[in-house]
Amino acid sequence: MIREVIVVEGRDDEAAVKRAVDAEVIITSGLGIEEKTIERIRYAQQKTGVIILTDPDFPGEKIRKIISERVPGCKHAYLPKKYSIKDNDVGVENATPEHIREALERVKTQGENRQLFTLEHMIDAGLVMGDSSRIRREKLGDHLGIGYANAKQFLKRLNHYSISLEEFQEALEWLERSGGQ
């Protein structure tokens, strides 16, 4: 049983999570998160903690941001997009129980948001500008467990989730070994 409450977008996501793990789940019902849902999430955060597991798409990231701003201290699990697509539909509900468990095992906790990484790190790693930078961020984000993001958001996540320089370097080496793109 996972101690924290897992926050997902919809009923199908809830069913997928419950197939993967024994956990309590709160459903946001999409972008129109009601105040009573925020209050339930806030209460769960105070009592047991919260893990946000939203779809790896724009609405999912928007929901994640809304909850994070309104309920500080939530943990984040990121499901790689490649594991959540079925018939051009992106969602947690499409992931296998194994992939959901992997995402939950790699949960990230918000840190102190230090400024260890800079734009220079991103440029040197080929994560900004260039034809393959988006693909490199996607693969590296999946490997580090911080999900895909544009360059600005990716830099923010590196610092926000207290990724170490060693973890970053190891991930870059893994990326190069796996073909670099």
Protein backbone atom coordinates (compact mmCIF):
# COMPACT_ATOMS: atom_id res chain seq x y z
CA MET A 1 0.00 0.00 0.00
CA ILE A 2 1.28 3.43 -0.94
CA ARG A 3 0.95 5.79 2.00
CA GLU A 4 0.36 8.97 -0.02
CA VAL A 5 -2.84 9.75 -1.87
CA ILE A 6 -2.40 9.74 -5.64
CA VAL A 7 -4.07 12.55 -7.59
CA VAL A 8 -5.16 11.75 -11.15
CA GLU A 9 -7.38 13.44 -13.73
CA GLY A 10 -10.23 10.99 -14.33
CA ARG A 11 -11.98 7.75 -13.45
CA ASP A 12 -10.11 5.72 -16.08
CA ASP A 13 -6.82 6.98 -14.62
CA GLU A 14 -8.01 5.95 -11.17
CA ALA A 15 -8.82 2.44 -12.43
CA ALA A 16 -5.37 2.15 -14.06
CA VAL A 17 -3.62 3.26 -10.86
CA LYS A 18 -5.65 0.83 -8.75
CA ARG A 19 -4.70 -2.03 -11.12
CA ALA A 20 -1.05 -1.11 -10.50
CA VAL A 21 -0.93 -0.35 -6.76
CA ASP A 22 -2.97 -0.36 -3.58
CA ALA A 23 -3.54 3.34 -2.92
CA GLU A 24 -6.14 5.97 -2.22
CA VAL A 25 -6.88 8.16 -5.23
CA ILE A 26 -8.39 11.63 -5.71
CA ILE A 27 -9.80 12.54 -9.13
CA THR A 28 -9.57 16.15 -10.33
CA SER A 29 -12.11 15.73 -13.16
CA GLY A 30 -9.81 17.61 -15.51
CA LEU A 31 -8.93 21.29 -15.66
CA GLY A 32 -12.10 22.43 -13.95
CA ILE A 33 -10.82 21.48 -10.51
CA GLU A 34 -13.42 22.45 -7.96
CA GLU A 35 -12.51 24.13 -4.68
CA LYS A 36 -13.79 21.12 -2.72
CA THR A 37 -11.32 18.90 -4.63
CA ILE A 38 -8.45 21.27 -3.79
CA GLU A 39 -9.55 21.09 -0.14
CA ARG A 40 -9.52 17.26 -0.26
CA ILE A 41 -6.02 17.35 -1.77
CA ARG A 42 -4.86 19.86 0.86
CA TYR A 43 -6.25 17.63 3.65
CA ALA A 44 -4.60 14.53 2.16
CA GLN A 45 -1.30 16.43 1.87
CA GLN A 46 -1.45 17.33 5.57
CA LYS A 47 -2.37 13.81 6.70
CA THR A 48 -0.47 11.38 4.43
CA GLY A 49 1.12 13.32 1.59
CA VAL A 50 0.12 13.57 -2.06
CA ILE A 51 1.63 12.28 -5.29
CA ILE A 52 0.43 14.03 -8.45
CA LEU A 53 0.26 11.68 -11.48
CA THR A 54 -1.33 13.53 -14.39
CA ASP A 55 -1.32 12.83 -18.11
CA PRO A 56 1.91 13.77 -19.93
CA ASP A 57 0.24 16.44 -22.04
CA PHE A 58 -0.53 20.16 -21.81
CA PRO A 59 -3.75 19.83 -19.76
CA GLY A 60 -2.03 17.36 -17.40
CA GLU A 61 0.85 19.76 -16.82
CA LYS A 62 -1.59 22.63 -16.26
CA ILE A 63 -3.46 20.58 -13.64
CA ARG A 64 -0.15 19.66 -11.98
CA LYS A 65 0.79 23.34 -11.83
CA ILE A 66 -2.58 24.40 -10.40
CA ILE A 67 -2.38 21.80 -7.64
CA SER A 68 1.28 22.55 -6.86
CA GLU A 69 0.57 26.25 -6.50
CA ARG A 70 -2.51 25.72 -4.32
CA VAL A 71 -1.17 22.79 -2.26
CA PRO A 72 2.56 23.18 -1.54
CA GLY A 73 4.73 20.16 -0.81
CA CYS A 74 3.15 17.65 -3.18
CA LYS A 75 5.32 14.95 -4.71
CA HIS A 76 5.36 14.37 -8.46
CA ALA A 77 5.37 11.20 -10.55
CA TYR A 78 5.91 11.54 -14.27
CA LEU A 79 4.76 8.91 -16.74
CA PRO A 80 6.72 9.01 -20.01
CA LYS A 81 4.48 9.85 -22.96
CA LYS A 82 5.66 6.78 -24.87
CA TYR A 83 4.08 4.56 -22.18
CA SER A 84 0.77 6.40 -22.10
CA ILE A 85 -0.31 6.52 -25.75
CA LYS A 86 -2.99 4.31 -27.25
CA ASP A 87 -4.69 5.09 -30.56
CA ASN A 88 -3.45 8.72 -30.47
CA ASP A 89 -4.92 9.18 -26.97
CA VAL A 90 -2.48 10.27 -24.27
CA GLY A 91 -3.31 9.37 -20.71
CA VAL A 92 -2.42 7.55 -17.52
CA GLU A 93 -5.28 5.17 -18.29
CA ASN A 94 -3.31 3.79 -21.25
CA ALA A 95 -0.22 2.83 -19.23
CA THR A 96 0.49 -0.68 -18.04
CA PRO A 97 0.50 -1.40 -14.31
CA GLU A 98 4.28 -1.92 -14.56
CA HIS A 99 4.86 1.53 -16.07
CA ILE A 100 2.63 3.18 -13.47
CA ARG A 101 4.57 1.44 -10.68
CA GLU A 102 7.87 2.59 -12.26
CA ALA A 103 6.64 6.20 -12.35
CA LEU A 104 5.56 5.98 -8.71
CA GLU A 105 8.90 4.46 -7.68
CA ARG A 106 10.69 7.45 -9.24
CA VAL A 107 8.56 10.07 -7.48
CA LYS A 108 10.20 13.47 -7.14
CA THR A 109 9.87 15.74 -4.14
CA GLN A 110 9.93 19.48 -4.51
CA GLY A 111 13.20 20.79 -3.17
CA GLU A 112 14.39 24.19 -2.15
CA ASN A 113 14.56 25.26 -5.82
CA ARG A 114 18.26 26.01 -5.72
CA GLN A 115 19.95 27.36 -8.83
CA LEU A 116 22.55 24.64 -9.45
CA PHE A 117 21.79 24.31 -13.15
CA THR A 118 22.02 27.19 -15.59
CA LEU A 119 21.17 27.81 -19.21
CA GLU A 120 24.84 27.08 -19.95
CA HIS A 121 24.39 23.50 -18.67
CA MET A 122 21.40 23.12 -20.95
CA ILE A 123 23.25 24.45 -23.99
CA ASP A 124 26.35 22.30 -23.32
CA ALA A 125 24.12 19.21 -23.03
CA GLY A 126 22.36 19.95 -26.33
CA LEU A 127 19.03 20.51 -24.58
CA VAL A 128 18.44 23.97 -26.02
CA MET A 129 18.48 25.06 -29.65
CA GLY A 130 19.07 22.57 -32.36
CA ASP A 131 17.02 19.98 -34.17
CA SER A 132 17.46 17.23 -31.59
CA SER A 133 17.12 19.29 -28.38
CA ARG A 134 13.43 18.44 -27.90
CA ILE A 135 14.09 14.72 -28.33
CA ARG A 136 17.08 14.90 -25.98
CA ARG A 137 14.98 16.66 -23.29
CA GLU A 138 12.23 14.09 -23.68
CA LYS A 139 14.61 11.12 -23.29
CA LEU A 140 16.59 12.74 -20.49
CA GLY A 141 13.40 13.77 -18.68
CA ASP A 142 12.09 10.21 -18.86
CA HIS A 143 15.41 8.82 -17.63
CA LEU A 144 15.62 11.27 -14.71
CA GLY A 145 11.94 10.83 -13.85
CA ILE A 146 11.07 14.51 -14.31
CA GLY A 147 9.06 14.18 -17.52
CA TYR A 148 9.21 16.10 -20.77
CA ALA A 149 9.22 19.89 -20.74
CA ASN A 150 10.29 22.80 -22.89
CA ALA A 151 13.81 24.10 -22.20
CA LYS A 152 12.78 26.75 -19.66
CA GLN A 153 10.58 24.33 -17.69
CA PHE A 154 13.18 21.55 -17.92
CA LEU A 155 15.82 23.81 -16.35
CA LYS A 156 13.33 24.73 -13.63
CA ARG A 157 12.63 21.04 -12.91
CA LEU A 158 16.33 20.17 -12.71
CA ASN A 159 16.73 22.76 -9.97
CA HIS A 160 13.34 22.25 -8.37
CA TYR A 161 13.71 18.50 -7.86
CA SER A 162 17.28 18.77 -6.59
CA ILE A 163 18.80 16.70 -9.39
CA SER A 164 22.52 16.49 -8.62
CA LEU A 165 25.27 17.30 -11.12
CA GLU A 166 26.34 13.65 -10.82
CA GLU A 167 22.83 12.37 -11.66
CA PHE A 168 22.67 14.79 -14.59
CA GLN A 169 26.09 13.72 -15.90
CA GLU A 170 25.23 10.02 -15.57
CA ALA A 171 21.97 10.63 -17.42
CA LEU A 172 23.83 12.46 -20.20
CA GLU A 173 26.29 9.57 -20.48
CA TRP A 174 23.35 7.15 -20.68
CA LEU A 175 21.80 9.34 -23.40
CA GLU A 176 25.01 9.30 -25.45
CA ARG A 177 25.34 5.51 -25.08
CA SER A 178 21.76 5.08 -26.24
CA GLY A 179 22.33 7.06 -29.43
CA GLY A 180 22.18 10.66 -28.25
CA GLN A 181 18.76 11.31 -29.71
